[in-house]
């Protein structure tokens, strides 16, 4: 199976989806997490003008610079967790293309988006990508208290963009903390983006991504 260099870089970095860095969520379920459809939630577009992309998210997600977000993580987590997340962010920033960070202070959910050179995704690639992601979770986890389990994985090209999605639940048996890490790779209009969502709640952003304009 042949992938371009940027796509191989995604595969190599897929482990850095907060495997060991669970930012503990707030105890009450909030807004977009509990909504049955996106029309119940106030949302807004973020114009990523440099890349010709319009991203639609719940209004509680605020755009931050890398430096701003690191300060947020530092204030919410232990030093160990902060160092893991900082390593992840620095690796994401090294990818070709632009890097964007959005954070929801209410639920402590993080949304990142990387733009990169166009690479089409086909159904035949989905199972391979899932296998690589699962293997990286298993092989790169050095903490025996951390357990990763697949929640869902799917591929779609019915509504325009080619979309690969995989969600894993990351649990720390010692601290009882957990998070849901969602990976989306989307290709459309000769553009490819890589999205990662880390949240204490399983509800994803699928409905919001249907309003994404590439």
C-alpha atoms as a PDB file:
ATOM      1  CA  UNK A   1       0.000   0.000   0.000  1.00  0.00           C
ATOM      2  CA  UNK A   2       1.553   3.298  -1.087  1.00  0.00           C
ATOM      3  CA  UNK A   3       1.056   6.586   0.697  1.00  0.00           C
ATOM      4  CA  UNK A   4       2.676   9.955   0.159  1.00  0.00           C
ATOM      5  CA  UNK A   5       5.315  11.161   2.611  1.00  0.00           C
ATOM      6  CA  UNK A   6       2.883  13.448   4.513  1.00  0.00           C
ATOM      7  CA  UNK A   7       0.430  10.550   4.841  1.00  0.00           C
ATOM      8  CA  UNK A   8       3.160   8.279   6.182  1.00  0.00           C
ATOM      9  CA  UNK A   9       3.997  11.010   8.688  1.00  0.00           C
ATOM     10  CA  UNK A  10       0.390  10.940   9.880  1.00  0.00           C
ATOM     11  CA  UNK A  11       0.628   7.208  10.419  1.00  0.00           C
ATOM     12  CA  UNK A  12       3.899   7.586  12.307  1.00  0.00           C
ATOM     13  CA  UNK A  13       2.431  10.251  14.577  1.00  0.00           C
ATOM     14  CA  UNK A  14      -0.966   8.714  15.112  1.00  0.00           C
ATOM     15  CA  UNK A  15       0.175   7.504  18.538  1.00  0.00           C
ATOM     16  CA  UNK A  16       0.395  11.087  19.700  1.00  0.00           C
ATOM     17  CA  UNK A  17      -3.334  11.361  20.264  1.00  0.00           C
ATOM     18  CA  UNK A  18      -3.117  11.903  23.987  1.00  0.00           C
ATOM     19  CA  UNK A  19      -2.600   8.223  24.797  1.00  0.00           C
ATOM     20  CA  UNK A  20      -1.234   8.994  28.205  1.00  0.00           C
ATOM     21  CA  UNK A  21      -2.552  12.515  28.680  1.00  0.00           C
ATOM     22  CA  UNK A  22      -6.148  12.461  29.843  1.00  0.00           C
ATOM     23  CA  UNK A  23      -7.303  15.990  30.630  1.00  0.00           C
ATOM     24  CA  UNK A  24     -10.000  15.369  33.172  1.00  0.00           C
ATOM     25  CA  UNK A  25     -13.408  16.623  32.139  1.00  0.00           C
ATOM     26  CA  UNK A  26     -15.896  18.579  34.158  1.00  0.00           C
ATOM     27  CA  UNK A  27     -18.520  16.582  35.997  1.00  0.00           C
ATOM     28  CA  UNK A  28     -21.601  18.081  34.355  1.00  0.00           C
ATOM     29  CA  UNK A  29     -22.421  17.326  30.735  1.00  0.00           C
ATOM     30  CA  UNK A  30     -22.603  20.529  28.752  1.00  0.00           C
ATOM     31  CA  UNK A  31     -24.227  21.970  25.626  1.00  0.00           C
ATOM     32  CA  UNK A  32     -23.003  20.235  22.450  1.00  0.00           C
ATOM     33  CA  UNK A  33     -22.183  17.035  24.351  1.00  0.00           C
ATOM     34  CA  UNK A  34     -25.803  16.349  25.278  1.00  0.00           C
ATOM     35  CA  UNK A  35     -27.509  17.843  22.213  1.00  0.00           C
ATOM     36  CA  UNK A  36     -29.385  15.411  19.997  1.00  0.00           C
ATOM     37  CA  UNK A  37     -28.673  17.521  16.898  1.00  0.00           C
ATOM     38  CA  UNK A  38     -26.519  20.506  16.058  1.00  0.00           C
ATOM     39  CA  UNK A  39     -29.482  22.825  15.540  1.00  0.00           C
ATOM     40  CA  UNK A  40     -29.911  22.827  19.331  1.00  0.00           C
ATOM     41  CA  UNK A  41     -26.434  24.267  19.832  1.00  0.00           C
ATOM     42  CA  UNK A  42     -25.045  27.668  18.978  1.00  0.00           C
ATOM     43  CA  UNK A  43     -22.274  27.195  16.459  1.00  0.00           C
ATOM     44  CA  UNK A  44     -19.959  29.406  14.469  1.00  0.00           C
ATOM     45  CA  UNK A  45     -17.643  29.247  11.483  1.00  0.00           C
ATOM     46  CA  UNK A  46     -13.881  29.707  11.726  1.00  0.00           C
ATOM     47  CA  UNK A  47     -12.371  30.982   8.499  1.00  0.00           C
ATOM     48  CA  UNK A  48      -9.010  29.344   7.899  1.00  0.00           C
ATOM     49  CA  UNK A  49      -8.350  31.743   5.064  1.00  0.00           C
ATOM     50  CA  UNK A  50      -4.800  30.668   4.320  1.00  0.00           C
ATOM     51  CA  UNK A  51      -6.077  27.201   3.464  1.00  0.00           C
ATOM     52  CA  UNK A  52      -9.447  28.107   1.960  1.00  0.00           C
ATOM     53  CA  UNK A  53     -11.306  26.161   4.667  1.00  0.00           C
ATOM     54  CA  UNK A  54     -14.369  27.121   6.711  1.00  0.00           C
ATOM     55  CA  UNK A  55     -14.668  25.078   9.890  1.00  0.00           C
ATOM     56  CA  UNK A  56     -17.950  24.882  11.803  1.00  0.00           C
ATOM     57  CA  UNK A  57     -17.792  24.126  15.539  1.00  0.00           C
ATOM     58  CA  UNK A  58     -19.888  24.700  18.666  1.00  0.00           C
ATOM     59  CA  UNK A  59     -19.347  28.302  19.757  1.00  0.00           C
ATOM     60  CA  UNK A  60     -17.742  27.175  23.030  1.00  0.00           C
ATOM     61  CA  UNK A  61     -14.653  26.095  21.070  1.00  0.00           C
ATOM     62  CA  UNK A  62     -12.171  28.955  20.996  1.00  0.00           C
ATOM     63  CA  UNK A  63      -9.151  29.174  18.721  1.00  0.00           C
ATOM     64  CA  UNK A  64      -5.785  29.355  20.503  1.00  0.00           C
ATOM     65  CA  UNK A  65      -2.161  29.728  19.564  1.00  0.00           C
ATOM     66  CA  UNK A  66       0.169  26.868  20.462  1.00  0.00           C
ATOM     67  CA  UNK A  67       1.623  28.910  23.303  1.00  0.00           C
ATOM     68  CA  UNK A  68      -1.816  29.771  24.698  1.00  0.00           C
ATOM     69  CA  UNK A  69      -2.968  26.168  24.601  1.00  0.00           C
ATOM     70  CA  UNK A  70       0.166  24.899  26.339  1.00  0.00           C
ATOM     71  CA  UNK A  71      -0.573  27.297  29.195  1.00  0.00           C
ATOM     72  CA  UNK A  72      -4.119  25.939  29.428  1.00  0.00           C
ATOM     73  CA  UNK A  73      -2.873  22.343  29.588  1.00  0.00           C
ATOM     74  CA  UNK A  74      -0.250  23.281  32.158  1.00  0.00           C
ATOM     75  CA  UNK A  75      -2.949  24.772  34.393  1.00  0.00           C
ATOM     76  CA  UNK A  76      -5.225  21.715  34.154  1.00  0.00           C
ATOM     77  CA  UNK A  77      -2.869  18.757  34.392  1.00  0.00           C
ATOM     78  CA  UNK A  78       0.130  17.308  36.150  1.00  0.00           C
ATOM     79  CA  UNK A  79       3.654  17.959  34.933  1.00  0.00           C
ATOM     80  CA  UNK A  80       3.859  14.446  33.486  1.00  0.00           C
ATOM     81  CA  UNK A  81       0.671  14.857  31.477  1.00  0.00           C
ATOM     82  CA  UNK A  82       1.742  18.321  30.363  1.00  0.00           C
ATOM     83  CA  UNK A  83       5.041  16.978  29.013  1.00  0.00           C
ATOM     84  CA  UNK A  84       3.272  14.220  27.056  1.00  0.00           C
ATOM     85  CA  UNK A  85       0.809  16.692  25.545  1.00  0.00           C
ATOM     86  CA  UNK A  86       3.589  19.165  24.736  1.00  0.00           C
ATOM     87  CA  UNK A  87       5.454  16.437  22.851  1.00  0.00           C
ATOM     88  CA  UNK A  88       2.306  15.581  20.904  1.00  0.00           C
ATOM     89  CA  UNK A  89       1.678  19.212  19.988  1.00  0.00           C
ATOM     90  CA  UNK A  90       5.251  19.828  18.917  1.00  0.00           C
ATOM     91  CA  UNK A  91       5.115  16.803  16.612  1.00  0.00           C
ATOM     92  CA  UNK A  92       1.824  17.943  15.105  1.00  0.00           C
ATOM     93  CA  UNK A  93       3.281  21.384  14.521  1.00  0.00           C
ATOM     94  CA  UNK A  94       6.170  19.875  12.552  1.00  0.00           C
ATOM     95  CA  UNK A  95       3.850  18.468   9.899  1.00  0.00           C
ATOM     96  CA  UNK A  96       3.812  20.158   6.494  1.00  0.00           C
ATOM     97  CA  UNK A  97       0.939  22.621   6.337  1.00  0.00           C
ATOM     98  CA  UNK A  98      -0.826  24.695   8.950  1.00  0.00           C
ATOM     99  CA  UNK A  99      -1.827  23.684  12.460  1.00  0.00           C
ATOM    100  CA  UNK A 100      -4.899  24.952  14.315  1.00  0.00           C
ATOM    101  CA  UNK A 101      -6.010  24.392  17.917  1.00  0.00           C
ATOM    102  CA  UNK A 102      -9.485  24.882  19.418  1.00  0.00           C
ATOM    103  CA  UNK A 103     -10.400  24.261  23.051  1.00  0.00           C
ATOM    104  CA  UNK A 104     -13.703  24.035  24.902  1.00  0.00           C
ATOM    105  CA  UNK A 105     -13.216  25.186  28.489  1.00  0.00           C
ATOM    106  CA  UNK A 106     -16.618  23.835  29.534  1.00  0.00           C
ATOM    107  CA  UNK A 107     -15.912  20.186  28.729  1.00  0.00           C
ATOM    108  CA  UNK A 108     -12.105  20.325  28.468  1.00  0.00           C
ATOM    109  CA  UNK A 109     -12.288  19.027  24.911  1.00  0.00           C
ATOM    110  CA  UNK A 110      -9.543  19.726  22.397  1.00  0.00           C
ATOM    111  CA  UNK A 111      -9.917  19.942  18.613  1.00  0.00           C
ATOM    112  CA  UNK A 112      -6.832  20.153  16.388  1.00  0.00           C
ATOM    113  CA  UNK A 113      -6.648  20.425  12.613  1.00  0.00           C
ATOM    114  CA  UNK A 114      -3.624  19.926  10.369  1.00  0.00           C
ATOM    115  CA  UNK A 115      -3.668  20.831   6.694  1.00  0.00           C
ATOM    116  CA  UNK A 116      -1.339  18.972   4.380  1.00  0.00           C
ATOM    117  CA  UNK A 117      -0.670  18.139   0.723  1.00  0.00           C
ATOM    118  CA  UNK A 118      -3.570  16.397  -0.974  1.00  0.00           C
ATOM    119  CA  UNK A 119      -3.746  12.628  -0.576  1.00  0.00           C
ATOM    120  CA  UNK A 120      -6.944  10.800  -1.616  1.00  0.00           C
ATOM    121  CA  UNK A 121      -8.301   8.156   0.780  1.00  0.00           C
ATOM    122  CA  UNK A 122     -10.090   5.073  -0.510  1.00  0.00           C
ATOM    123  CA  UNK A 123     -12.158   2.404   1.186  1.00  0.00           C
ATOM    124  CA  UNK A 124      -9.357  -0.110   0.740  1.00  0.00           C
ATOM    125  CA  UNK A 125      -7.116   2.141   2.861  1.00  0.00           C
ATOM    126  CA  UNK A 126      -9.444   2.292   5.866  1.00  0.00           C
ATOM    127  CA  UNK A 127      -8.734  -1.147   7.337  1.00  0.00           C
ATOM    128  CA  UNK A 128      -5.009  -0.642   6.894  1.00  0.00           C
ATOM    129  CA  UNK A 129      -5.133   2.741   8.625  1.00  0.00           C
ATOM    130  CA  UNK A 130      -7.139   1.298  11.495  1.00  0.00           C
ATOM    131  CA  UNK A 131      -4.618  -1.505  11.904  1.00  0.00           C
ATOM    132  CA  UNK A 132      -1.731   0.947  12.007  1.00  0.00           C
ATOM    133  CA  UNK A 133      -3.501   3.116  14.578  1.00  0.00           C
ATOM    134  CA  UNK A 134      -4.310   0.131  16.789  1.00  0.00           C
ATOM    135  CA  UNK A 135      -0.768  -1.204  16.515  1.00  0.00           C
ATOM    136  CA  UNK A 136       0.726   2.154  17.420  1.00  0.00           C
ATOM    137  CA  UNK A 137      -1.498   2.409  20.490  1.00  0.00           C
ATOM    138  CA  UNK A 138      -0.372  -1.043  21.595  1.00  0.00           C
ATOM    139  CA  UNK A 139       3.324  -0.801  20.757  1.00  0.00           C
ATOM    140  CA  UNK A 140       4.022   2.729  21.944  1.00  0.00           C
ATOM    141  CA  UNK A 141       2.208   2.612  25.254  1.00  0.00           C
ATOM    142  CA  UNK A 142       4.798   2.281  28.028  1.00  0.00           C
ATOM    143  CA  UNK A 143       2.347   2.689  30.907  1.00  0.00           C
ATOM    144  CA  UNK A 144       0.820  -0.659  31.977  1.00  0.00           C
ATOM    145  CA  UNK A 145      -2.100   1.175  33.595  1.00  0.00           C
ATOM    146  CA  UNK A 146      -3.201   2.605  30.245  1.00  0.00           C
ATOM    147  CA  UNK A 147      -5.647   0.579  28.162  1.00  0.00           C
ATOM    148  CA  UNK A 148      -6.866   1.553  24.696  1.00  0.00           C
ATOM    149  CA  UNK A 149      -9.940   0.064  23.060  1.00  0.00           C
ATOM    150  CA  UNK A 150     -11.591   0.762  19.728  1.00  0.00           C
ATOM    151  CA  UNK A 151     -15.021   2.349  19.955  1.00  0.00           C
ATOM    152  CA  UNK A 152     -15.729   2.721  16.249  1.00  0.00           C
ATOM    153  CA  UNK A 153     -14.069   3.015  12.865  1.00  0.00           C
ATOM    154  CA  UNK A 154     -15.643   3.856   9.535  1.00  0.00           C
ATOM    155  CA  UNK A 155     -15.068   5.164   6.038  1.00  0.00           C
ATOM    156  CA  UNK A 156     -17.424   7.225   3.920  1.00  0.00           C
ATOM    157  CA  UNK A 157     -17.373   8.964   0.564  1.00  0.00           C
ATOM    158  CA  UNK A 158     -21.116   9.225  -0.011  1.00  0.00           C
ATOM    159  CA  UNK A 159     -21.628  12.897   0.808  1.00  0.00           C
ATOM    160  CA  UNK A 160     -18.691  14.375  -1.061  1.00  0.00           C
ATOM    161  CA  UNK A 161     -15.483  14.266   1.013  1.00  0.00           C
ATOM    162  CA  UNK A 162     -13.592  11.046   1.568  1.00  0.00           C
ATOM    163  CA  UNK A 163     -13.621  10.550   5.335  1.00  0.00           C
ATOM    164  CA  UNK A 164     -11.836   8.038   7.522  1.00  0.00           C
ATOM    165  CA  UNK A 165     -12.782   8.081  11.199  1.00  0.00           C
ATOM    166  CA  UNK A 166     -11.487   6.072  14.159  1.00  0.00           C
ATOM    167  CA  UNK A 167     -12.394   6.513  17.821  1.00  0.00           C
ATOM    168  CA  UNK A 168     -10.512   4.924  20.699  1.00  0.00           C
ATOM    169  CA  UNK A 169     -11.232   5.053  24.412  1.00  0.00           C
ATOM    170  CA  UNK A 170      -8.121   5.570  26.530  1.00  0.00           C
ATOM    171  CA  UNK A 171      -8.442   4.493  30.157  1.00  0.00           C
ATOM    172  CA  UNK A 172      -6.070   4.741  33.083  1.00  0.00           C
ATOM    173  CA  UNK A 173      -6.912   1.878  35.427  1.00  0.00           C
ATOM    174  CA  UNK A 174      -4.971   3.471  38.257  1.00  0.00           C
ATOM    175  CA  UNK A 175      -6.386   6.979  38.230  1.00  0.00           C
ATOM    176  CA  UNK A 176      -9.730   6.010  36.615  1.00  0.00           C
ATOM    177  CA  UNK A 177      -9.327   8.900  34.169  1.00  0.00           C
ATOM    178  CA  UNK A 178     -10.337   8.309  30.576  1.00  0.00           C
ATOM    179  CA  UNK A 179     -10.757  10.132  27.310  1.00  0.00           C
ATOM    180  CA  UNK A 180     -12.111   9.490  23.844  1.00  0.00           C
ATOM    181  CA  UNK A 181      -9.658  10.167  21.044  1.00  0.00           C
ATOM    182  CA  UNK A 182     -11.165  10.649  17.593  1.00  0.00           C
ATOM    183  CA  UNK A 183      -9.094  10.749  14.428  1.00  0.00           C
ATOM    184  CA  UNK A 184     -10.561  12.082  11.175  1.00  0.00           C
ATOM    185  CA  UNK A 185      -8.712  12.156   7.866  1.00  0.00           C
ATOM    186  CA  UNK A 186     -10.674  14.014   5.191  1.00  0.00           C
ATOM    187  CA  UNK A 187      -9.893  14.616   1.529  1.00  0.00           C
ATOM    188  CA  UNK A 188     -11.888  16.800  -0.848  1.00  0.00           C
ATOM    189  CA  UNK A 189     -11.313  19.385  -3.568  1.00  0.00           C
ATOM    190  CA  UNK A 190      -7.615  18.489  -3.784  1.00  0.00           C
ATOM    191  CA  UNK A 191      -7.150  19.159  -0.072  1.00  0.00           C
ATOM    192  CA  UNK A 192      -6.447  16.803   2.823  1.00  0.00           C
ATOM    193  CA  UNK A 193      -6.868  17.583   6.508  1.00  0.00           C
ATOM    194  CA  UNK A 194      -6.178  15.603   9.654  1.00  0.00           C
ATOM    195  CA  UNK A 195      -8.402  16.283  12.650  1.00  0.00           C
ATOM    196  CA  UNK A 196      -7.973  14.995  16.187  1.00  0.00           C
ATOM    197  CA  UNK A 197     -10.547  15.428  18.936  1.00  0.00           C
ATOM    198  CA  UNK A 198      -9.779  14.529  22.526  1.00  0.00           C
ATOM    199  CA  UNK A 199     -12.709  14.691  24.931  1.00  0.00           C
ATOM    200  CA  UNK A 200     -13.916  13.140  28.183  1.00  0.00           C
ATOM    201  CA  UNK A 201     -17.183  12.422  26.343  1.00  0.00           C
ATOM    202  CA  UNK A 202     -17.918  10.022  23.526  1.00  0.00           C
ATOM    203  CA  UNK A 203     -20.147  12.367  21.508  1.00  0.00           C
ATOM    204  CA  UNK A 204     -18.137  13.397  18.510  1.00  0.00           C
ATOM    205  CA  UNK A 205     -18.194  16.261  16.042  1.00  0.00           C
ATOM    206  CA  UNK A 206     -19.426  14.327  13.002  1.00  0.00           C
ATOM    207  CA  UNK A 207     -22.490  16.517  12.470  1.00  0.00           C
ATOM    208  CA  UNK A 208     -20.408  19.677  12.660  1.00  0.00           C
ATOM    209  CA  UNK A 209     -17.932  18.355  10.102  1.00  0.00           C
ATOM    210  CA  UNK A 210     -20.767  17.981   7.593  1.00  0.00           C
ATOM    211  CA  UNK A 211     -20.802  21.792   7.513  1.00  0.00           C
ATOM    212  CA  UNK A 212     -17.067  22.015   6.930  1.00  0.00           C
ATOM    213  CA  UNK A 213     -16.201  23.699   3.636  1.00  0.00           C
ATOM    214  CA  UNK A 214     -12.951  22.723   1.932  1.00  0.00           C
END
